[in-house]
């Protein structure tokens, strides 16, 4: 009899512990669910990666960019100077080639005439439609060589280059056949500072760097 009561007491105790454990698990589960709901309602706190850069990080990046810009600035300016010098020389070359082509095409004499106005050198393509009378060639405009460059015009006294319909230069002088454009800035840096356009009796025109 006593043994049976002990067994029933033991079984009842086991059942109570089991029920207590189940209730604890349920409470814990509800707590987790409620906590999850609260987090979702508030919204997850953004991580440091999604918050963007801090002020210190921004200052450091700006400083690095500034240092790189200052270091490369002289090179950029030299490159721009070189391009400008090349452009000025090639514009003169193009004027010569255009005059030669128009002379052969229109069967008139064409010339590139240079003139100095103050410190600026200008040049214009002209046509001799009537003997001894020169007028601005149709479709062309007067151009100027940038005044920041020095210009050495070594031409005959008339300061022009005349192309005939056969493509020859009628007034060529082997000692007076060039236009040189010089950049003092590039010269001070020991870089190629001269762009020279030379022409010859046969009508060929060269663009030289030195």
C-alpha atoms as a PDB file:
ATOM      1  CA  UNK A   1       0.000   0.000   0.000  1.00  0.00           C
ATOM      2  CA  UNK A   2       2.749   2.393   0.941  1.00  0.00           C
ATOM      3  CA  UNK A   3       4.671   1.481  -2.191  1.00  0.00           C
ATOM      4  CA  UNK A   4       1.647   2.209  -4.358  1.00  0.00           C
ATOM      5  CA  UNK A   5       1.178   5.652  -2.754  1.00  0.00           C
ATOM      6  CA  UNK A   6       4.817   6.442  -3.299  1.00  0.00           C
ATOM      7  CA  UNK A   7       4.521   5.491  -6.934  1.00  0.00           C
ATOM      8  CA  UNK A   8       1.456   7.713  -7.385  1.00  0.00           C
ATOM      9  CA  UNK A   9       3.219  10.607  -5.628  1.00  0.00           C
ATOM     10  CA  UNK A  10       6.294  10.173  -7.787  1.00  0.00           C
ATOM     11  CA  UNK A  11       4.235  10.065 -10.995  1.00  0.00           C
ATOM     12  CA  UNK A  12       2.268  13.151  -9.933  1.00  0.00           C
ATOM     13  CA  UNK A  13       5.548  14.975  -9.271  1.00  0.00           C
ATOM     14  CA  UNK A  14       6.918  14.062 -12.667  1.00  0.00           C
ATOM     15  CA  UNK A  15       3.737  15.303 -14.352  1.00  0.00           C
ATOM     16  CA  UNK A  16       3.872  18.583 -12.448  1.00  0.00           C
ATOM     17  CA  UNK A  17       7.490  19.177 -13.494  1.00  0.00           C
ATOM     18  CA  UNK A  18       6.633  18.326 -17.081  1.00  0.00           C
ATOM     19  CA  UNK A  19       3.742  20.775 -17.116  1.00  0.00           C
ATOM     20  CA  UNK A  20       5.854  23.431 -15.446  1.00  0.00           C
ATOM     21  CA  UNK A  21       8.534  22.962 -18.116  1.00  0.00           C
ATOM     22  CA  UNK A  22       5.994  23.287 -20.890  1.00  0.00           C
ATOM     23  CA  UNK A  23       4.647  26.492 -19.404  1.00  0.00           C
ATOM     24  CA  UNK A  24       8.195  27.895 -19.129  1.00  0.00           C
ATOM     25  CA  UNK A  25       8.891  27.054 -22.741  1.00  0.00           C
ATOM     26  CA  UNK A  26       5.657  28.702 -23.818  1.00  0.00           C
ATOM     27  CA  UNK A  27       6.456  31.840 -21.812  1.00  0.00           C
ATOM     28  CA  UNK A  28       9.930  32.020 -23.301  1.00  0.00           C
ATOM     29  CA  UNK A  29       8.551  31.555 -26.788  1.00  0.00           C
ATOM     30  CA  UNK A  30       6.000  34.325 -26.286  1.00  0.00           C
ATOM     31  CA  UNK A  31       8.715  36.602 -24.957  1.00  0.00           C
ATOM     32  CA  UNK A  32      10.836  36.017 -28.071  1.00  0.00           C
ATOM     33  CA  UNK A  33       7.865  36.647 -30.362  1.00  0.00           C
ATOM     34  CA  UNK A  34       6.952  39.868 -28.564  1.00  0.00           C
ATOM     35  CA  UNK A  35      10.545  41.078 -28.664  1.00  0.00           C
ATOM     36  CA  UNK A  36      10.691  40.382 -32.412  1.00  0.00           C
ATOM     37  CA  UNK A  37       7.518  42.370 -32.969  1.00  0.00           C
ATOM     38  CA  UNK A  38       8.891  45.328 -31.029  1.00  0.00           C
ATOM     39  CA  UNK A  39      12.116  45.309 -33.055  1.00  0.00           C
ATOM     40  CA  UNK A  40      10.172  45.232 -36.299  1.00  0.00           C
ATOM     41  CA  UNK A  41       7.909  48.038 -35.125  1.00  0.00           C
ATOM     42  CA  UNK A  42      10.897  50.260 -34.219  1.00  0.00           C
ATOM     43  CA  UNK A  43      12.843  49.341 -37.330  1.00  0.00           C
ATOM     44  CA  UNK A  44      16.264  47.758 -37.259  1.00  0.00           C
ATOM     45  CA  UNK A  45      19.058  50.097 -36.254  1.00  0.00           C
ATOM     46  CA  UNK A  46      21.200  50.823 -39.284  1.00  0.00           C
ATOM     47  CA  UNK A  47      24.644  49.338 -39.294  1.00  0.00           C
ATOM     48  CA  UNK A  48      27.743  51.523 -39.483  1.00  0.00           C
ATOM     49  CA  UNK A  49      28.150  50.598 -43.151  1.00  0.00           C
ATOM     50  CA  UNK A  50      24.685  51.943 -44.055  1.00  0.00           C
ATOM     51  CA  UNK A  51      25.036  55.163 -42.017  1.00  0.00           C
ATOM     52  CA  UNK A  52      27.542  56.605 -44.544  1.00  0.00           C
ATOM     53  CA  UNK A  53      30.878  58.318 -43.929  1.00  0.00           C
ATOM     54  CA  UNK A  54      31.758  60.025 -40.696  1.00  0.00           C
ATOM     55  CA  UNK A  55      33.096  63.584 -40.668  1.00  0.00           C
ATOM     56  CA  UNK A  56      36.656  62.385 -40.050  1.00  0.00           C
ATOM     57  CA  UNK A  57      36.473  59.944 -42.948  1.00  0.00           C
ATOM     58  CA  UNK A  58      35.152  62.688 -45.224  1.00  0.00           C
ATOM     59  CA  UNK A  59      37.934  65.097 -44.206  1.00  0.00           C
ATOM     60  CA  UNK A  60      40.589  62.451 -44.839  1.00  0.00           C
ATOM     61  CA  UNK A  61      39.218  61.670 -48.310  1.00  0.00           C
ATOM     62  CA  UNK A  62      38.998  65.358 -49.233  1.00  0.00           C
ATOM     63  CA  UNK A  63      42.570  65.857 -48.038  1.00  0.00           C
ATOM     64  CA  UNK A  64      43.872  62.980 -50.154  1.00  0.00           C
ATOM     65  CA  UNK A  65      42.048  64.270 -53.242  1.00  0.00           C
ATOM     66  CA  UNK A  66      43.440  67.777 -52.652  1.00  0.00           C
ATOM     67  CA  UNK A  67      47.009  66.478 -52.369  1.00  0.00           C
ATOM     68  CA  UNK A  68      46.654  64.442 -55.561  1.00  0.00           C
ATOM     69  CA  UNK A  69      45.168  67.425 -57.408  1.00  0.00           C
ATOM     70  CA  UNK A  70      47.960  69.777 -56.330  1.00  0.00           C
ATOM     71  CA  UNK A  71      50.579  67.208 -57.311  1.00  0.00           C
ATOM     72  CA  UNK A  72      49.134  66.686 -60.794  1.00  0.00           C
ATOM     73  CA  UNK A  73      48.289  70.351 -61.491  1.00  0.00           C
ATOM     74  CA  UNK A  74      51.647  71.294 -63.082  1.00  0.00           C
ATOM     75  CA  UNK A  75      51.442  68.294 -65.392  1.00  0.00           C
ATOM     76  CA  UNK A  76      47.909  69.212 -66.413  1.00  0.00           C
ATOM     77  CA  UNK A  77      48.907  72.813 -67.147  1.00  0.00           C
ATOM     78  CA  UNK A  78      51.921  71.689 -69.200  1.00  0.00           C
ATOM     79  CA  UNK A  79      49.696  69.357 -71.186  1.00  0.00           C
ATOM     80  CA  UNK A  80      47.251  72.181 -71.911  1.00  0.00           C
ATOM     81  CA  UNK A  81      50.118  74.444 -72.998  1.00  0.00           C
ATOM     82  CA  UNK A  82      51.439  71.757 -75.351  1.00  0.00           C
ATOM     83  CA  UNK A  83      48.009  71.234 -76.875  1.00  0.00           C
ATOM     84  CA  UNK A  84      47.532  74.957 -77.392  1.00  0.00           C
ATOM     85  CA  UNK A  85      50.937  75.259 -79.074  1.00  0.00           C
ATOM     86  CA  UNK A  86      50.224  72.262 -81.312  1.00  0.00           C
ATOM     87  CA  UNK A  87      46.844  73.721 -82.205  1.00  0.00           C
ATOM     88  CA  UNK A  88      48.297  77.095 -83.161  1.00  0.00           C
ATOM     89  CA  UNK A  89      50.908  75.488 -85.403  1.00  0.00           C
ATOM     90  CA  UNK A  90      48.462  73.098 -87.045  1.00  0.00           C
ATOM     91  CA  UNK A  91      46.034  75.933 -87.767  1.00  0.00           C
ATOM     92  CA  UNK A  92      48.760  77.649 -89.822  1.00  0.00           C
ATOM     93  CA  UNK A  93      49.535  74.339 -91.532  1.00  0.00           C
ATOM     94  CA  UNK A  94      45.845  73.873 -92.375  1.00  0.00           C
ATOM     95  CA  UNK A  95      45.656  77.383 -93.865  1.00  0.00           C
ATOM     96  CA  UNK A  96      48.603  76.587 -96.149  1.00  0.00           C
ATOM     97  CA  UNK A  97      47.106  73.288 -97.259  1.00  0.00           C
ATOM     98  CA  UNK A  98      43.704  74.883 -97.847  1.00  0.00           C
ATOM     99  CA  UNK A  99      45.207  77.633-100.004  1.00  0.00           C
ATOM    100  CA  UNK A 100      47.101  75.052-102.058  1.00  0.00           C
ATOM    101  CA  UNK A 101      43.996  72.902-102.547  1.00  0.00           C
ATOM    102  CA  UNK A 102      41.804  75.885-103.533  1.00  0.00           C
ATOM    103  CA  UNK A 103      44.390  77.118-106.021  1.00  0.00           C
ATOM    104  CA  UNK A 104      44.421  73.739-107.766  1.00  0.00           C
ATOM    105  CA  UNK A 105      40.637  73.423-107.593  1.00  0.00           C
ATOM    106  CA  UNK A 106      39.604  76.950-108.696  1.00  0.00           C
ATOM    107  CA  UNK A 107      42.494  77.554-111.110  1.00  0.00           C
ATOM    108  CA  UNK A 108      43.369  80.858-109.428  1.00  0.00           C
ATOM    109  CA  UNK A 109      46.342  81.955-107.431  1.00  0.00           C
ATOM    110  CA  UNK A 110      45.745  81.715-103.675  1.00  0.00           C
ATOM    111  CA  UNK A 111      47.902  83.006-100.884  1.00  0.00           C
ATOM    112  CA  UNK A 112      48.183  82.973 -97.122  1.00  0.00           C
ATOM    113  CA  UNK A 113      48.970  86.518 -96.037  1.00  0.00           C
ATOM    114  CA  UNK A 114      50.440  87.277 -92.609  1.00  0.00           C
ATOM    115  CA  UNK A 115      50.177  90.635 -90.869  1.00  0.00           C
ATOM    116  CA  UNK A 116      51.165  91.926 -87.446  1.00  0.00           C
ATOM    117  CA  UNK A 117      48.691  94.079 -85.543  1.00  0.00           C
ATOM    118  CA  UNK A 118      50.311  95.307 -82.359  1.00  0.00           C
ATOM    119  CA  UNK A 119      51.750  92.195 -80.731  1.00  0.00           C
ATOM    120  CA  UNK A 120      49.342  89.820 -82.484  1.00  0.00           C
ATOM    121  CA  UNK A 121      50.018  87.936 -85.707  1.00  0.00           C
ATOM    122  CA  UNK A 122      47.054  87.324 -88.004  1.00  0.00           C
ATOM    123  CA  UNK A 123      46.743  85.406 -91.258  1.00  0.00           C
ATOM    124  CA  UNK A 124      44.156  85.232 -93.999  1.00  0.00           C
ATOM    125  CA  UNK A 125      43.592  83.109 -97.137  1.00  0.00           C
ATOM    126  CA  UNK A 126      43.105  85.331-100.198  1.00  0.00           C
ATOM    127  CA  UNK A 127      42.322  84.744-103.880  1.00  0.00           C
ATOM    128  CA  UNK A 128      43.647  86.560-106.969  1.00  0.00           C
ATOM    129  CA  UNK A 129      40.539  86.424-109.160  1.00  0.00           C
ATOM    130  CA  UNK A 130      41.765  89.445-111.112  1.00  0.00           C
ATOM    131  CA  UNK A 131      45.467  89.903-111.784  1.00  0.00           C
ATOM    132  CA  UNK A 132      47.007  92.022-109.058  1.00  0.00           C
ATOM    133  CA  UNK A 133      43.814  92.157-106.961  1.00  0.00           C
ATOM    134  CA  UNK A 134      43.561  90.005-103.882  1.00  0.00           C
ATOM    135  CA  UNK A 135      40.304  89.416-102.031  1.00  0.00           C
ATOM    136  CA  UNK A 136      39.345  87.228 -99.061  1.00  0.00           C
ATOM    137  CA  UNK A 137      38.826  83.658-100.233  1.00  0.00           C
ATOM    138  CA  UNK A 138      35.171  82.559-100.059  1.00  0.00           C
ATOM    139  CA  UNK A 139      34.308  80.521 -96.971  1.00  0.00           C
ATOM    140  CA  UNK A 140      37.406  81.569 -95.003  1.00  0.00           C
ATOM    141  CA  UNK A 141      37.997  83.826 -92.017  1.00  0.00           C
ATOM    142  CA  UNK A 142      40.987  85.676 -90.670  1.00  0.00           C
ATOM    143  CA  UNK A 143      42.696  83.853 -87.833  1.00  0.00           C
ATOM    144  CA  UNK A 144      45.075  84.903 -85.087  1.00  0.00           C
ATOM    145  CA  UNK A 145      47.989  83.184 -83.374  1.00  0.00           C
ATOM    146  CA  UNK A 146      47.525  83.381 -79.573  1.00  0.00           C
ATOM    147  CA  UNK A 147      49.491  86.315 -78.197  1.00  0.00           C
ATOM    148  CA  UNK A 148      50.906  84.226 -75.342  1.00  0.00           C
ATOM    149  CA  UNK A 149      53.195  82.632 -77.943  1.00  0.00           C
ATOM    150  CA  UNK A 150      56.055  84.403 -79.658  1.00  0.00           C
ATOM    151  CA  UNK A 151      56.002  84.238 -83.463  1.00  0.00           C
ATOM    152  CA  UNK A 152      58.906  84.408 -85.882  1.00  0.00           C
ATOM    153  CA  UNK A 153      57.710  84.949 -89.454  1.00  0.00           C
ATOM    154  CA  UNK A 154      60.533  84.353 -91.916  1.00  0.00           C
ATOM    155  CA  UNK A 155      58.917  85.173 -95.270  1.00  0.00           C
ATOM    156  CA  UNK A 156      59.540  87.411 -98.270  1.00  0.00           C
ATOM    157  CA  UNK A 157      58.916  91.145 -97.769  1.00  0.00           C
ATOM    158  CA  UNK A 158      55.282  90.764 -98.801  1.00  0.00           C
ATOM    159  CA  UNK A 159      54.726  88.416 -95.825  1.00  0.00           C
ATOM    160  CA  UNK A 160      52.699  85.946 -97.871  1.00  0.00           C
ATOM    161  CA  UNK A 161      52.915  82.478 -99.401  1.00  0.00           C
ATOM    162  CA  UNK A 162      51.445  82.267-102.927  1.00  0.00           C
ATOM    163  CA  UNK A 163      50.206  78.974-104.365  1.00  0.00           C
ATOM    164  CA  UNK A 164      49.609  78.640-108.108  1.00  0.00           C
ATOM    165  CA  UNK A 165      46.978  76.424-109.791  1.00  0.00           C
ATOM    166  CA  UNK A 166      49.727  73.864-110.413  1.00  0.00           C
ATOM    167  CA  UNK A 167      50.357  73.571-106.656  1.00  0.00           C
ATOM    168  CA  UNK A 168      53.733  75.314-106.629  1.00  0.00           C
ATOM    169  CA  UNK A 169      54.801  78.192-104.389  1.00  0.00           C
ATOM    170  CA  UNK A 170      55.613  81.040-106.761  1.00  0.00           C
ATOM    171  CA  UNK A 171      57.448  83.262-104.291  1.00  0.00           C
ATOM    172  CA  UNK A 172      59.409  80.651-102.322  1.00  0.00           C
ATOM    173  CA  UNK A 173      62.829  81.587-100.964  1.00  0.00           C
ATOM    174  CA  UNK A 174      64.804  78.772 -99.351  1.00  0.00           C
ATOM    175  CA  UNK A 175      66.030  81.186 -96.665  1.00  0.00           C
ATOM    176  CA  UNK A 176      62.615  82.740 -96.036  1.00  0.00           C
ATOM    177  CA  UNK A 177      60.149  79.895 -95.903  1.00  0.00           C
ATOM    178  CA  UNK A 178      58.996  79.329 -92.335  1.00  0.00           C
ATOM    179  CA  UNK A 179      56.681  80.434 -89.541  1.00  0.00           C
ATOM    180  CA  UNK A 180      57.829  79.474 -86.053  1.00  0.00           C
ATOM    181  CA  UNK A 181      55.624  79.622 -82.962  1.00  0.00           C
ATOM    182  CA  UNK A 182      57.310  79.380 -79.560  1.00  0.00           C
ATOM    183  CA  UNK A 183      56.055  78.783 -76.020  1.00  0.00           C
ATOM    184  CA  UNK A 184      58.261  80.431 -73.391  1.00  0.00           C
ATOM    185  CA  UNK A 185      56.625  78.324 -70.697  1.00  0.00           C
ATOM    186  CA  UNK A 186      57.579  75.026 -72.318  1.00  0.00           C
ATOM    187  CA  UNK A 187      61.038  76.378 -73.053  1.00  0.00           C
ATOM    188  CA  UNK A 188      61.540  77.114 -69.346  1.00  0.00           C
ATOM    189  CA  UNK A 189      60.720  73.467 -68.628  1.00  0.00           C
ATOM    190  CA  UNK A 190      63.215  72.219 -71.236  1.00  0.00           C
ATOM    191  CA  UNK A 191      60.397  70.726 -73.314  1.00  0.00           C
ATOM    192  CA  UNK A 192      59.796  70.967 -77.055  1.00  0.00           C
ATOM    193  CA  UNK A 193      58.716  74.588 -77.273  1.00  0.00           C
ATOM    194  CA  UNK A 194      58.774  75.337 -81.018  1.00  0.00           C
ATOM    195  CA  UNK A 195      56.241  74.485 -83.726  1.00  0.00           C
ATOM    196  CA  UNK A 196      57.469  75.388 -87.207  1.00  0.00           C
ATOM    197  CA  UNK A 197      55.588  75.354 -90.492  1.00  0.00           C
ATOM    198  CA  UNK A 198      57.926  75.213 -93.499  1.00  0.00           C
ATOM    199  CA  UNK A 199      57.038  75.277 -97.201  1.00  0.00           C
ATOM    200  CA  UNK A 200      58.981  74.567-100.385  1.00  0.00           C
ATOM    201  CA  UNK A 201      58.838  75.532-104.039  1.00  0.00           C
ATOM    202  CA  UNK A 202      57.171  72.248-105.004  1.00  0.00           C
ATOM    203  CA  UNK A 203      54.217  73.053-102.746  1.00  0.00           C
ATOM    204  CA  UNK A 204      54.960  70.666 -99.894  1.00  0.00           C
ATOM    205  CA  UNK A 205      54.276  71.974 -96.384  1.00  0.00           C
ATOM    206  CA  UNK A 206      55.802  70.487 -93.233  1.00  0.00           C
ATOM    207  CA  UNK A 207      54.912  70.723 -89.553  1.00  0.00           C
ATOM    208  CA  UNK A 208      57.960  70.375 -87.273  1.00  0.00           C
ATOM    209  CA  UNK A 209      58.459  70.159 -83.506  1.00  0.00           C
ATOM    210  CA  UNK A 210      61.667  71.149 -81.760  1.00  0.00           C
END
